[in-house]
């Protein structure tokens, strides 16, 4: 009788925890190979975020929409957080940031037939650089654009920029290296892929974070919870294992 009572109490407690479990909504943009709605677990970065919050008994509902819409929803407080974002002064007004998730390095891609000599921003003078709408590439690049030292042309998708590059409409594409190589291998022909290369010096390397909306009531608590969970993943060795899994292709699409 006592044993049955204890079992009933435990099962009842678990049920109550499940009913009262907190769920937050995080916006994501497709950014393979690091994150994508067709990748296993949504990709390495959403998986890290999910696992870090799981340590704190917080469930995550990952949503997938274009980048500018994610920012809009999080800015208004409609969604709780935005995944894998870089800090800048504009975003500081409506976001709190967690500890870093990964390091983002922007590179300049160009045609092999049009070699690039690049050591400083002024070397890009007179060239048109393809960017993705709503993306931030660091202060050095932004300052060069604001001062009209270099010209940019926006696109809604990275693929559009590479199409323009191949057509000679722009001279450069600024993009994270692994994202670019994944895109080129998956969506371009072998001849197109072989026509494109990148300069080995990154434009800038910056940490990405989870950005939590200031327009929700529990923003600081979510930042603290995530940081605690991420620390547990790191100290346990699970975070390193996840990145090792990523390197061997464990997060690739199961289609």
Protein backbone atom coordinates (compact mmCIF):
# COMPACT_ATOMS: atom_id res chain seq x y z
CA UNK A 1 0.00 0.00 0.00
CA UNK A 2 2.78 2.41 0.94
CA UNK A 3 4.71 1.42 -2.17
CA UNK A 4 1.70 2.11 -4.41
CA UNK A 5 1.18 5.47 -2.73
CA UNK A 6 4.78 6.47 -3.37
CA UNK A 7 4.58 5.41 -7.02
CA UNK A 8 1.35 7.34 -7.45
CA UNK A 9 2.92 10.41 -5.86
CA UNK A 10 5.96 10.23 -8.20
CA UNK A 11 3.80 9.76 -11.29
CA UNK A 12 1.57 12.60 -10.20
CA UNK A 13 4.56 14.87 -9.66
CA UNK A 14 5.93 14.09 -13.12
CA UNK A 15 2.56 14.80 -14.67
CA UNK A 16 2.38 18.15 -12.88
CA UNK A 17 5.86 19.05 -14.08
CA UNK A 18 4.90 18.17 -17.66
CA UNK A 19 1.75 20.26 -17.42
CA UNK A 20 3.63 23.23 -15.97
CA UNK A 21 6.71 22.94 -18.23
CA UNK A 22 7.74 26.29 -19.67
CA UNK A 23 7.96 26.59 -23.45
CA UNK A 24 9.61 29.48 -25.26
CA UNK A 25 9.52 30.36 -28.95
CA UNK A 26 12.79 30.99 -30.78
CA UNK A 27 12.99 32.30 -34.33
CA UNK A 28 15.47 30.84 -36.80
CA UNK A 29 16.55 31.58 -40.34
CA UNK A 30 17.71 28.79 -42.65
CA UNK A 31 21.50 29.01 -42.59
CA UNK A 32 22.89 25.61 -43.59
CA UNK A 33 25.01 23.82 -42.53
CA UNK A 34 24.62 25.35 -39.05
CA UNK A 35 20.83 25.56 -38.91
CA UNK A 36 17.89 24.68 -41.12
CA UNK A 37 14.37 23.33 -40.78
CA UNK A 38 15.29 20.27 -42.86
CA UNK A 39 18.44 19.45 -40.90
CA UNK A 40 18.52 16.87 -38.12
CA UNK A 41 17.55 18.57 -34.83
CA UNK A 42 17.27 21.79 -36.87
CA UNK A 43 21.07 21.84 -37.17
CA UNK A 44 23.89 22.11 -34.66
CA UNK A 45 23.04 25.59 -33.32
CA UNK A 46 19.31 25.01 -32.62
CA UNK A 47 20.25 21.66 -31.07
CA UNK A 48 22.73 23.35 -28.72
CA UNK A 49 20.07 25.89 -27.75
CA UNK A 50 17.46 23.18 -27.17
CA UNK A 51 19.82 21.10 -25.05
CA UNK A 52 21.03 24.08 -23.01
CA UNK A 53 17.48 25.07 -22.11
CA UNK A 54 16.56 21.43 -21.42
CA UNK A 55 19.10 21.48 -18.59
CA UNK A 56 16.92 24.20 -17.04
CA UNK A 57 13.66 22.31 -17.78
CA UNK A 58 12.65 24.81 -20.49
CA UNK A 59 11.22 23.51 -23.77
CA UNK A 60 11.92 25.27 -27.07
CA UNK A 61 9.54 25.75 -29.98
CA UNK A 62 11.76 26.55 -32.98
CA UNK A 63 10.10 28.59 -35.72
CA UNK A 64 11.49 29.12 -39.21
CA UNK A 65 10.87 32.31 -41.19
CA UNK A 66 13.05 34.74 -43.17
CA UNK A 67 15.64 36.66 -41.13
CA UNK A 68 14.03 40.10 -41.17
CA UNK A 69 10.72 38.64 -40.00
CA UNK A 70 12.46 36.83 -37.14
CA UNK A 71 13.98 40.13 -36.03
CA UNK A 72 10.61 41.88 -36.29
CA UNK A 73 8.80 39.22 -34.23
CA UNK A 74 11.45 39.18 -31.52
CA UNK A 75 11.74 42.96 -31.44
CA UNK A 76 7.99 43.23 -30.76
CA UNK A 77 8.05 40.47 -28.14
CA UNK A 78 5.82 38.18 -30.23
CA UNK A 79 8.61 35.58 -30.01
CA UNK A 80 11.00 35.19 -27.11
CA UNK A 81 14.38 35.01 -28.80
CA UNK A 82 16.33 34.93 -32.04
CA UNK A 83 18.96 32.31 -32.69
CA UNK A 84 22.58 32.81 -33.72
CA UNK A 85 22.71 36.60 -33.94
CA UNK A 86 25.59 39.09 -33.89
CA UNK A 87 25.60 42.05 -31.53
CA UNK A 88 25.34 45.59 -32.82
CA UNK A 89 24.12 48.93 -31.47
CA UNK A 90 20.77 48.82 -33.26
CA UNK A 91 19.97 45.37 -31.85
CA UNK A 92 21.18 46.36 -28.39
CA UNK A 93 18.03 48.49 -28.08
CA UNK A 94 15.68 45.49 -28.05
CA UNK A 95 17.84 42.43 -27.25
CA UNK A 96 19.71 40.92 -24.33
CA UNK A 97 22.48 38.52 -25.32
CA UNK A 98 23.57 35.18 -23.97
CA UNK A 99 27.09 33.81 -23.84
CA UNK A 100 28.55 33.01 -27.29
CA UNK A 101 27.33 29.94 -29.19
CA UNK A 102 29.79 29.94 -32.11
CA UNK A 103 32.25 32.19 -33.93
CA UNK A 104 31.16 33.66 -37.27
CA UNK A 105 33.82 34.65 -39.82
CA UNK A 106 32.88 36.59 -42.95
CA UNK A 107 34.92 35.98 -46.11
CA UNK A 108 34.97 37.60 -49.53
CA UNK A 109 34.10 35.27 -52.41
CA UNK A 110 35.03 36.21 -55.97
CA UNK A 111 35.54 34.73 -59.42
CA UNK A 112 38.87 33.00 -60.03
CA UNK A 113 39.05 34.98 -63.26
CA UNK A 114 38.93 38.20 -61.22
CA UNK A 115 41.65 37.86 -58.52
CA UNK A 116 41.29 39.88 -55.33
CA UNK A 117 44.07 41.68 -53.49
CA UNK A 118 42.73 42.37 -50.02
CA UNK A 119 44.43 43.49 -46.81
CA UNK A 120 42.29 46.46 -45.77
CA UNK A 121 38.86 47.85 -46.54
CA UNK A 122 40.17 50.47 -48.95
CA UNK A 123 41.27 47.60 -51.22
CA UNK A 124 37.57 47.03 -51.94
CA UNK A 125 37.03 50.55 -53.29
CA UNK A 126 35.25 50.53 -56.65
CA UNK A 127 33.86 47.01 -56.20
CA UNK A 128 30.26 46.01 -55.52
CA UNK A 129 29.84 43.57 -52.64
CA UNK A 130 26.78 41.35 -52.48
CA UNK A 131 25.19 41.20 -49.02
CA UNK A 132 22.12 39.51 -47.59
CA UNK A 133 19.28 41.76 -46.46
CA UNK A 134 19.15 42.24 -42.70
CA UNK A 135 22.58 40.69 -42.06
CA UNK A 136 25.34 42.37 -40.08
CA UNK A 137 29.01 41.82 -40.99
CA UNK A 138 30.79 43.68 -38.21
CA UNK A 139 31.71 47.30 -37.54
CA UNK A 140 34.65 47.41 -39.96
CA UNK A 141 32.47 46.48 -42.91
CA UNK A 142 29.56 48.68 -41.78
CA UNK A 143 31.82 51.71 -41.33
CA UNK A 144 33.29 51.20 -44.79
CA UNK A 145 29.80 51.06 -46.28
CA UNK A 146 28.56 54.08 -44.30
CA UNK A 147 31.54 56.14 -45.43
CA UNK A 148 30.89 55.04 -49.03
CA UNK A 149 34.33 53.51 -49.24
CA UNK A 150 32.68 50.39 -50.69
CA UNK A 151 29.36 49.75 -52.42
CA UNK A 152 26.92 46.96 -51.62
CA UNK A 153 23.94 45.35 -53.29
CA UNK A 154 21.44 43.47 -51.13
CA UNK A 155 19.71 40.20 -51.90
CA UNK A 156 17.09 38.26 -49.96
CA UNK A 157 19.03 34.98 -50.31
CA UNK A 158 22.72 34.07 -50.56
CA UNK A 159 22.04 32.13 -53.76
CA UNK A 160 20.98 35.31 -55.54
CA UNK A 161 24.32 36.93 -54.72
CA UNK A 162 26.30 34.06 -56.22
CA UNK A 163 24.13 34.14 -59.34
CA UNK A 164 24.90 37.86 -59.70
CA UNK A 165 28.59 37.17 -59.10
CA UNK A 166 28.67 34.55 -61.87
CA UNK A 167 26.81 36.96 -64.19
CA UNK A 168 29.36 39.73 -63.54
CA UNK A 169 26.79 42.05 -61.96
CA UNK A 170 28.77 42.24 -58.70
CA UNK A 171 32.43 41.55 -57.98
CA UNK A 172 32.29 40.10 -54.45
CA UNK A 173 30.02 38.21 -52.06
CA UNK A 174 30.52 38.53 -48.30
CA UNK A 175 29.41 35.40 -46.45
CA UNK A 176 30.43 32.86 -43.80
CA UNK A 177 32.76 30.34 -45.44
CA UNK A 178 31.07 27.05 -44.51
CA UNK A 179 27.65 28.46 -45.39
CA UNK A 180 28.97 29.50 -48.82
CA UNK A 181 30.69 26.19 -49.55
CA UNK A 182 27.61 24.22 -48.51
CA UNK A 183 25.39 26.35 -50.76
CA UNK A 184 27.74 26.15 -53.75
CA UNK A 185 28.07 22.37 -53.52
CA UNK A 186 24.32 21.82 -53.16
CA UNK A 187 22.78 24.35 -55.55
CA UNK A 188 25.33 25.15 -58.25
CA UNK A 189 26.89 23.17 -61.07
CA UNK A 190 30.42 21.84 -60.89
CA UNK A 191 31.55 24.40 -63.48
CA UNK A 192 30.00 27.25 -61.46
CA UNK A 193 31.55 25.94 -58.26
CA UNK A 194 34.97 25.71 -59.88
CA UNK A 195 34.70 29.29 -61.13
CA UNK A 196 34.44 30.71 -57.59
CA UNK A 197 36.98 31.03 -54.79
CA UNK A 198 37.45 33.14 -51.65
CA UNK A 199 40.14 35.33 -50.14
CA UNK A 200 41.84 33.63 -47.17
CA UNK A 201 41.74 36.70 -44.92
CA UNK A 202 38.38 37.01 -43.13
CA UNK A 203 36.71 40.41 -43.13
CA UNK A 204 35.92 39.98 -39.44
CA UNK A 205 35.38 37.20 -36.91
CA UNK A 206 32.64 37.69 -34.32
CA UNK A 207 30.78 35.59 -31.78
CA UNK A 208 27.11 34.79 -32.29
CA UNK A 209 24.67 34.57 -29.40
CA UNK A 210 21.06 33.87 -28.62
CA UNK A 211 19.31 37.24 -28.61
CA UNK A 212 16.45 37.45 -26.09
CA UNK A 213 13.73 40.07 -26.54
CA UNK A 214 13.66 42.85 -23.96
CA UNK A 215 9.92 43.09 -24.61
CA UNK A 216 9.05 39.95 -22.65
CA UNK A 217 8.78 39.80 -18.87
CA UNK A 218 11.39 37.11 -18.23
CA UNK A 219 14.20 38.13 -20.58
CA UNK A 220 17.03 38.26 -18.02
CA UNK A 221 15.94 34.97 -16.48
CA UNK A 222 16.07 33.27 -19.88
CA UNK A 223 19.57 34.62 -20.51
CA UNK A 224 20.71 33.33 -17.13
CA UNK A 225 19.06 29.95 -17.67
CA UNK A 226 20.61 29.52 -21.10
CA UNK A 227 24.08 30.46 -19.86
CA UNK A 228 23.81 27.96 -17.02
CA UNK A 229 22.65 25.22 -19.37
CA UNK A 230 25.38 25.99 -21.91
CA UNK A 231 27.98 25.85 -19.15
CA UNK A 232 26.73 22.40 -18.10
CA UNK A 233 26.96 21.17 -21.70
CA UNK A 234 30.50 22.51 -21.98
CA UNK A 235 31.75 21.15 -18.66
CA UNK A 236 30.22 17.73 -19.25
CA UNK A 237 31.91 17.37 -22.65
CA UNK A 238 28.55 17.13 -24.43
CA UNK A 239 29.06 20.43 -26.28
CA UNK A 240 32.38 19.26 -27.71
CA UNK A 241 30.76 15.97 -28.73
CA UNK A 242 27.99 17.83 -30.54
CA UNK A 243 30.52 19.83 -32.54
CA UNK A 244 32.42 16.61 -33.31
CA UNK A 245 29.15 15.14 -34.57
CA UNK A 246 28.64 18.22 -36.73
CA UNK A 247 32.10 17.82 -38.28
CA UNK A 248 31.35 14.23 -39.28
CA UNK A 249 28.03 15.24 -40.89
CA UNK A 250 25.62 13.98 -38.24
CA UNK A 251 23.31 17.01 -38.64
CA UNK A 252 22.85 16.74 -42.39
CA UNK A 253 19.35 16.48 -43.84
CA UNK A 254 17.77 13.06 -43.51
CA UNK A 255 15.85 13.51 -46.79
